[in-house]
């Protein structure tokens, strides 16, 4: 079973995101190219999961536009 893909990892620059191994950037094991694959947040910004069909189960942060402020 594949690991759950993190939406907002704490330090995405420390990990290669090219496969399900999530190797440390300094010791790549899968041979998925010569360098580290960046996390989508590094390339597209923190709201990367809202744009496009990524196939992730992401809970809505603000369901139905309901505001928590009164």
PDB file of N, CA and C in Angstrom:
ATOM      1  N   UNK A   1       0.842  -1.173   0.000  1.00  0.00           N
ATOM      2  CA  UNK A   1       0.000   0.000   0.000  1.00  0.00           C
ATOM      3  C   UNK A   1       0.891   1.242   0.000  1.00  0.00           C
ATOM      4  N   UNK A   2       0.539   2.221  -0.787  1.00  0.00           N
ATOM      5  CA  UNK A   2       1.295   3.464  -0.891  1.00  0.00           C
ATOM      6  C   UNK A   2       1.068   4.324   0.348  1.00  0.00           C
ATOM      7  N   UNK A   3       2.107   5.080   0.697  1.00  0.00           N
ATOM      8  CA  UNK A   3       1.984   6.003   1.814  1.00  0.00           C
ATOM      9  C   UNK A   3       1.062   7.153   1.423  1.00  0.00           C
ATOM     10  N   UNK A   4       0.401   7.728   2.404  1.00  0.00           N
ATOM     11  CA  UNK A   4      -0.465   8.874   2.164  1.00  0.00           C
ATOM     12  C   UNK A   4       0.411  10.078   1.814  1.00  0.00           C
ATOM     13  N   UNK A   5       0.053  10.775   0.748  1.00  0.00           N
ATOM     14  CA  UNK A   5       0.845  11.911   0.286  1.00  0.00           C
ATOM     15  C   UNK A   5       0.543  13.131   1.141  1.00  0.00           C
ATOM     16  N   UNK A   6       1.558  13.722   1.779  1.00  0.00           N
ATOM     17  CA  UNK A   6       1.323  14.875   2.644  1.00  0.00           C
ATOM     18  C   UNK A   6       0.985  16.143   1.853  1.00  0.00           C
ATOM     19  N   UNK A   7       0.001  16.867   2.299  1.00  0.00           N
ATOM     20  CA  UNK A   7      -0.432  18.091   1.644  1.00  0.00           C
ATOM     21  C   UNK A   7       0.532  19.231   1.956  1.00  0.00           C
ATOM     22  N   UNK A   8       0.882  19.385   3.233  1.00  0.00           N
ATOM     23  CA  UNK A   8       1.784  20.447   3.676  1.00  0.00           C
ATOM     24  C   UNK A   8       2.898  19.853   4.543  1.00  0.00           C
ATOM     25  N   UNK A   9       3.929  19.242   3.943  1.00  0.00           N
ATOM     26  CA  UNK A   9       5.017  18.696   4.754  1.00  0.00           C
ATOM     27  C   UNK A   9       5.823  19.820   5.407  1.00  0.00           C
ATOM     28  N   UNK A  10       6.402  19.530   6.560  1.00  0.00           N
ATOM     29  CA  UNK A  10       7.134  20.549   7.312  1.00  0.00           C
ATOM     30  C   UNK A  10       8.372  21.039   6.563  1.00  0.00           C
ATOM     31  N   UNK A  11       9.152  20.142   6.007  1.00  0.00           N
ATOM     32  CA  UNK A  11      10.377  20.507   5.290  1.00  0.00           C
ATOM     33  C   UNK A  11      10.442  19.737   3.977  1.00  0.00           C
ATOM     34  N   UNK A  12       9.680  20.160   2.981  1.00  0.00           N
ATOM     35  CA  UNK A  12       9.646  19.402   1.722  1.00  0.00           C
ATOM     36  C   UNK A  12      10.984  19.339   1.015  1.00  0.00           C
ATOM     37  N   UNK A  13      11.870  20.292   1.278  1.00  0.00           N
ATOM     38  CA  UNK A  13      13.168  20.321   0.622  1.00  0.00           C
ATOM     39  C   UNK A  13      14.102  19.211   1.101  1.00  0.00           C
ATOM     40  N   UNK A  14      13.757  18.542   2.177  1.00  0.00           N
ATOM     41  CA  UNK A  14      14.604  17.481   2.729  1.00  0.00           C
ATOM     42  C   UNK A  14      14.291  16.102   2.154  1.00  0.00           C
ATOM     43  N   UNK A  15      13.243  15.999   1.330  1.00  0.00           N
ATOM     44  CA  UNK A  15      12.761  14.698   0.850  1.00  0.00           C
ATOM     45  C   UNK A  15      12.652  14.702  -0.664  1.00  0.00           C
ATOM     46  N   UNK A  16      12.888  13.553  -1.278  1.00  0.00           N
ATOM     47  CA  UNK A  16      12.609  13.377  -2.703  1.00  0.00           C
ATOM     48  C   UNK A  16      11.190  12.819  -2.814  1.00  0.00           C
ATOM     49  N   UNK A  17      10.360  13.461  -3.635  1.00  0.00           N
ATOM     50  CA  UNK A  17       8.948  13.090  -3.755  1.00  0.00           C
ATOM     51  C   UNK A  17       8.674  12.294  -5.024  1.00  0.00           C
ATOM     52  N   UNK A  18       9.697  11.696  -5.626  1.00  0.00           N
ATOM     53  CA  UNK A  18       9.564  11.022  -6.909  1.00  0.00           C
ATOM     54  C   UNK A  18       8.916   9.656  -6.859  1.00  0.00           C
ATOM     55  N   UNK A  19       8.839   9.021  -5.700  1.00  0.00           N
ATOM     56  CA  UNK A  19       8.195   7.706  -5.578  1.00  0.00           C
ATOM     57  C   UNK A  19       7.665   7.544  -4.157  1.00  0.00           C
ATOM     58  N   UNK A  20       7.172   6.370  -3.829  1.00  0.00           N
ATOM     59  CA  UNK A  20       6.585   6.133  -2.505  1.00  0.00           C
ATOM     60  C   UNK A  20       7.621   5.909  -1.405  1.00  0.00           C
ATOM     61  N   UNK A  21       8.916   5.921  -1.739  1.00  0.00           N
ATOM     62  CA  UNK A  21       9.947   5.710  -0.725  1.00  0.00           C
ATOM     63  C   UNK A  21      10.208   6.960   0.101  1.00  0.00           C
ATOM     64  N   UNK A  22       9.997   8.152  -0.482  1.00  0.00           N
ATOM     65  CA  UNK A  22      10.232   9.429   0.187  1.00  0.00           C
ATOM     66  C   UNK A  22      11.617   9.451   0.847  1.00  0.00           C
ATOM     67  N   UNK A  23      12.643   9.223   0.036  1.00  0.00           N
ATOM     68  CA  UNK A  23      14.026   9.166   0.515  1.00  0.00           C
ATOM     69  C   UNK A  23      14.521  10.543   0.956  1.00  0.00           C
ATOM     70  N   UNK A  24      15.460  10.565   1.902  1.00  0.00           N
ATOM     71  CA  UNK A  24      16.112  11.834   2.223  1.00  0.00           C
ATOM     72  C   UNK A  24      16.824  12.365   0.986  1.00  0.00           C
ATOM     73  N   UNK A  25      16.862  13.670   0.822  1.00  0.00           N
ATOM     74  CA  UNK A  25      17.432  14.291  -0.370  1.00  0.00           C
ATOM     75  C   UNK A  25      18.888  13.896  -0.592  1.00  0.00           C
ATOM     76  N   UNK A  26      19.608  13.551   0.470  1.00  0.00           N
ATOM     77  CA  UNK A  26      21.016  13.196   0.345  1.00  0.00           C
ATOM     78  C   UNK A  26      21.290  11.738   0.060  1.00  0.00           C
ATOM     79  N   UNK A  27      20.274  10.879   0.060  1.00  0.00           N
ATOM     80  CA  UNK A  27      20.505   9.446  -0.181  1.00  0.00           C
ATOM     81  C   UNK A  27      19.363   8.839  -0.989  1.00  0.00           C
ATOM     82  N   UNK A  28      19.274   9.230  -2.254  1.00  0.00           N
ATOM     83  CA  UNK A  28      18.211   8.745  -3.137  1.00  0.00           C
ATOM     84  C   UNK A  28      18.447   7.268  -3.464  1.00  0.00           C
ATOM     85  N   UNK A  29      17.398   6.450  -3.352  1.00  0.00           N
ATOM     86  CA  UNK A  29      17.524   5.012  -3.525  1.00  0.00           C
ATOM     87  C   UNK A  29      16.855   4.469  -4.777  1.00  0.00           C
ATOM     88  N   UNK A  30      15.878   5.158  -5.329  1.00  0.00           N
ATOM     89  CA  UNK A  30      15.081   4.571  -6.401  1.00  0.00           C
ATOM     90  C   UNK A  30      15.682   4.765  -7.787  1.00  0.00           C
ATOM     91  N   UNK A  31      16.654   5.648  -7.936  1.00  0.00           N
ATOM     92  CA  UNK A  31      17.222   5.906  -9.253  1.00  0.00           C
ATOM     93  C   UNK A  31      16.259   6.659 -10.151  1.00  0.00           C
ATOM     94  N   UNK A  32      15.358   7.419  -9.572  1.00  0.00           N
ATOM     95  CA  UNK A  32      14.355   8.172 -10.317  1.00  0.00           C
ATOM     96  C   UNK A  32      14.971   9.473 -10.842  1.00  0.00           C
ATOM     97  N   UNK A  33      15.979   9.332 -11.698  1.00  0.00           N
ATOM     98  CA  UNK A  33      16.665  10.513 -12.208  1.00  0.00           C
ATOM     99  C   UNK A  33      17.891  10.815 -11.375  1.00  0.00           C
ATOM    100  N   UNK A  34      18.543  11.889 -11.689  1.00  0.00           N
ATOM    101  CA  UNK A  34      19.788  12.199 -10.996  1.00  0.00           C
ATOM    102  C   UNK A  34      19.607  13.171  -9.840  1.00  0.00           C
ATOM    103  N   UNK A  35      18.415  13.726  -9.687  1.00  0.00           N
ATOM    104  CA  UNK A  35      18.190  14.702  -8.625  1.00  0.00           C
ATOM    105  C   UNK A  35      16.895  14.450  -7.889  1.00  0.00           C
ATOM    106  N   UNK A  36      16.675  15.271  -6.900  1.00  0.00           N
ATOM    107  CA  UNK A  36      15.486  15.167  -6.052  1.00  0.00           C
ATOM    108  C   UNK A  36      14.271  15.710  -6.787  1.00  0.00           C
ATOM    109  N   UNK A  37      13.151  15.013  -6.685  1.00  0.00           N
ATOM    110  CA  UNK A  37      11.882  15.502  -7.233  1.00  0.00           C
ATOM    111  C   UNK A  37      11.236  16.397  -6.185  1.00  0.00           C
ATOM    112  N   UNK A  38      10.873  17.606  -6.580  1.00  0.00           N
ATOM    113  CA  UNK A  38      10.286  18.553  -5.648  1.00  0.00           C
ATOM    114  C   UNK A  38       8.837  18.216  -5.326  1.00  0.00           C
ATOM    115  N   UNK A  39       8.414  18.630  -4.140  1.00  0.00           N
ATOM    116  CA  UNK A  39       7.016  18.518  -3.723  1.00  0.00           C
ATOM    117  C   UNK A  39       6.223  19.562  -4.507  1.00  0.00           C
ATOM    118  N   UNK A  40       4.965  19.277  -4.873  1.00  0.00           N
ATOM    119  CA  UNK A  40       4.165  20.254  -5.612  1.00  0.00           C
ATOM    120  C   UNK A  40       4.064  21.619  -4.931  1.00  0.00           C
ATOM    121  N   UNK A  41       4.094  21.666  -3.606  1.00  0.00           N
ATOM    122  CA  UNK A  41       4.027  22.949  -2.903  1.00  0.00           C
ATOM    123  C   UNK A  41       5.250  23.805  -3.187  1.00  0.00           C
ATOM    124  N   UNK A  42       6.392  23.171  -3.432  1.00  0.00           N
ATOM    125  CA  UNK A  42       7.606  23.922  -3.745  1.00  0.00           C
ATOM    126  C   UNK A  42       7.515  24.560  -5.127  1.00  0.00           C
ATOM    127  N   UNK A  43       6.798  23.925  -6.025  1.00  0.00           N
ATOM    128  CA  UNK A  43       6.710  24.387  -7.405  1.00  0.00           C
ATOM    129  C   UNK A  43       5.488  25.279  -7.624  1.00  0.00           C
ATOM    130  N   UNK A  44       4.344  24.875  -7.077  1.00  0.00           N
ATOM    131  CA  UNK A  44       3.076  25.544  -7.370  1.00  0.00           C
ATOM    132  C   UNK A  44       2.544  26.426  -6.245  1.00  0.00           C
ATOM    133  N   UNK A  45       3.127  26.371  -5.056  1.00  0.00           N
ATOM    134  CA  UNK A  45       2.657  27.167  -3.929  1.00  0.00           C
ATOM    135  C   UNK A  45       1.854  26.332  -2.938  1.00  0.00           C
ATOM    136  N   UNK A  46       1.532  26.912  -1.793  1.00  0.00           N
ATOM    137  CA  UNK A  46       0.862  26.182  -0.719  1.00  0.00           C
ATOM    138  C   UNK A  46      -0.550  25.713  -1.055  1.00  0.00           C
ATOM    139  N   UNK A  47      -1.193  26.346  -2.028  1.00  0.00           N
ATOM    140  CA  UNK A  47      -2.549  25.926  -2.389  1.00  0.00           C
ATOM    141  C   UNK A  47      -2.560  25.008  -3.613  1.00  0.00           C
ATOM    142  N   UNK A  48      -1.475  24.294  -3.836  1.00  0.00           N
ATOM    143  CA  UNK A  48      -1.307  23.450  -5.018  1.00  0.00           C
ATOM    144  C   UNK A  48      -2.409  22.414  -5.164  1.00  0.00           C
ATOM    145  N   UNK A  49      -2.896  21.868  -4.073  1.00  0.00           N
ATOM    146  CA  UNK A  49      -3.879  20.783  -4.107  1.00  0.00           C
ATOM    147  C   UNK A  49      -5.273  21.264  -4.519  1.00  0.00           C
ATOM    148  N   UNK A  50      -5.484  22.571  -4.514  1.00  0.00           N
ATOM    149  CA  UNK A  50      -6.783  23.121  -4.908  1.00  0.00           C
ATOM    150  C   UNK A  50      -6.923  23.266  -6.419  1.00  0.00           C
ATOM    151  N   UNK A  51      -5.816  23.229  -7.120  1.00  0.00           N
ATOM    152  CA  UNK A  51      -5.796  23.447  -8.560  1.00  0.00           C
ATOM    153  C   UNK A  51      -5.470  22.146  -9.273  1.00  0.00           C
ATOM    154  N   UNK A  52      -6.394  21.662 -10.039  1.00  0.00           N
ATOM    155  CA  UNK A  52      -6.175  20.420 -10.775  1.00  0.00           C
ATOM    156  C   UNK A  52      -6.794  19.229 -10.069  1.00  0.00           C
ATOM    157  N   UNK A  53      -6.791  18.126 -10.754  1.00  0.00           N
ATOM    158  CA  UNK A  53      -7.347  16.886 -10.215  1.00  0.00           C
ATOM    159  C   UNK A  53      -6.206  15.978  -9.786  1.00  0.00           C
ATOM    160  N   UNK A  54      -5.838  16.070  -8.523  1.00  0.00           N
ATOM    161  CA  UNK A  54      -4.711  15.301  -8.006  1.00  0.00           C
ATOM    162  C   UNK A  54      -5.142  13.931  -7.489  1.00  0.00           C
ATOM    163  N   UNK A  55      -6.419  13.709  -7.299  1.00  0.00           N
ATOM    164  CA  UNK A  55      -6.898  12.423  -6.802  1.00  0.00           C
ATOM    165  C   UNK A  55      -6.604  12.195  -5.333  1.00  0.00           C
ATOM    166  N   UNK A  56      -6.545  13.268  -4.569  1.00  0.00           N
ATOM    167  CA  UNK A  56      -6.260  13.173  -3.145  1.00  0.00           C
ATOM    168  C   UNK A  56      -7.530  13.362  -2.339  1.00  0.00           C
ATOM    169  N   UNK A  57      -7.598  12.695  -1.184  1.00  0.00           N
ATOM    170  CA  UNK A  57      -8.711  12.907  -0.257  1.00  0.00           C
ATOM    171  C   UNK A  57      -8.325  14.048   0.672  1.00  0.00           C
ATOM    172  N   UNK A  58      -8.730  15.249   0.314  1.00  0.00           N
ATOM    173  CA  UNK A  58      -8.395  16.437   1.096  1.00  0.00           C
ATOM    174  C   UNK A  58      -9.669  16.960   1.724  1.00  0.00           C
ATOM    175  N   UNK A  59      -9.717  17.015   3.068  1.00  0.00           N
ATOM    176  CA  UNK A  59     -10.925  17.559   3.707  1.00  0.00           C
ATOM    177  C   UNK A  59     -11.044  19.040   3.411  1.00  0.00           C
ATOM    178  N   UNK A  60     -12.264  19.494   3.223  1.00  0.00           N
ATOM    179  CA  UNK A  60     -12.494  20.912   2.976  1.00  0.00           C
ATOM    180  C   UNK A  60     -12.195  21.685   4.251  1.00  0.00           C
ATOM    181  N   UNK A  61     -11.409  22.752   4.118  1.00  0.00           N
ATOM    182  CA  UNK A  61     -11.070  23.560   5.277  1.00  0.00           C
ATOM    183  C   UNK A  61     -12.228  24.454   5.682  1.00  0.00           C
ATOM    184  N   UNK A  62     -13.060  24.825   4.708  1.00  0.00           N
ATOM    185  CA  UNK A  62     -14.192  25.707   4.968  1.00  0.00           C
ATOM    186  C   UNK A  62     -15.392  25.162   4.197  1.00  0.00           C
ATOM    187  N   UNK A  63     -16.001  24.090   4.680  1.00  0.00           N
ATOM    188  CA  UNK A  63     -17.093  23.461   3.932  1.00  0.00           C
ATOM    189  C   UNK A  63     -18.276  24.389   3.724  1.00  0.00           C
ATOM    190  N   UNK A  64     -18.794  24.406   2.508  1.00  0.00           N
ATOM    191  CA  UNK A  64     -20.006  25.152   2.124  1.00  0.00           C
ATOM    192  C   UNK A  64     -19.894  26.648   2.391  1.00  0.00           C
ATOM    193  N   UNK A  65     -18.656  27.160   2.486  1.00  0.00           N
ATOM    194  CA  UNK A  65     -18.475  28.591   2.669  1.00  0.00           C
ATOM    195  C   UNK A  65     -18.894  29.103   4.036  1.00  0.00           C
ATOM    196  N   UNK A  66     -19.002  28.230   5.024  1.00  0.00           N
ATOM    197  CA  UNK A  66     -19.431  28.633   6.366  1.00  0.00           C
ATOM    198  C   UNK A  66     -18.275  29.326   7.065  1.00  0.00           C
ATOM    199  N   UNK A  67     -18.541  30.496   7.593  1.00  0.00           N
ATOM    200  CA  UNK A  67     -17.519  31.243   8.295  1.00  0.00           C
ATOM    201  C   UNK A  67     -17.552  30.906   9.783  1.00  0.00           C
ATOM    202  N   UNK A  68     -16.378  30.752  10.378  1.00  0.00           N
ATOM    203  CA  UNK A  68     -16.284  30.458  11.795  1.00  0.00           C
ATOM    204  C   UNK A  68     -16.331  31.711  12.649  1.00  0.00           C
ATOM    205  N   UNK A  69     -16.301  32.879  12.004  1.00  0.00           N
ATOM    206  CA  UNK A  69     -16.315  34.152  12.752  1.00  0.00           C
ATOM    207  C   UNK A  69     -17.743  34.614  12.985  1.00  0.00           C
ATOM    208  N   UNK A  70     -17.983  35.261  14.106  1.00  0.00           N
ATOM    209  CA  UNK A  70     -19.296  35.817  14.434  1.00  0.00           C
ATOM    210  C   UNK A  70     -19.151  37.205  14.921  1.00  0.00           C
TER     211      UNK A  70
END
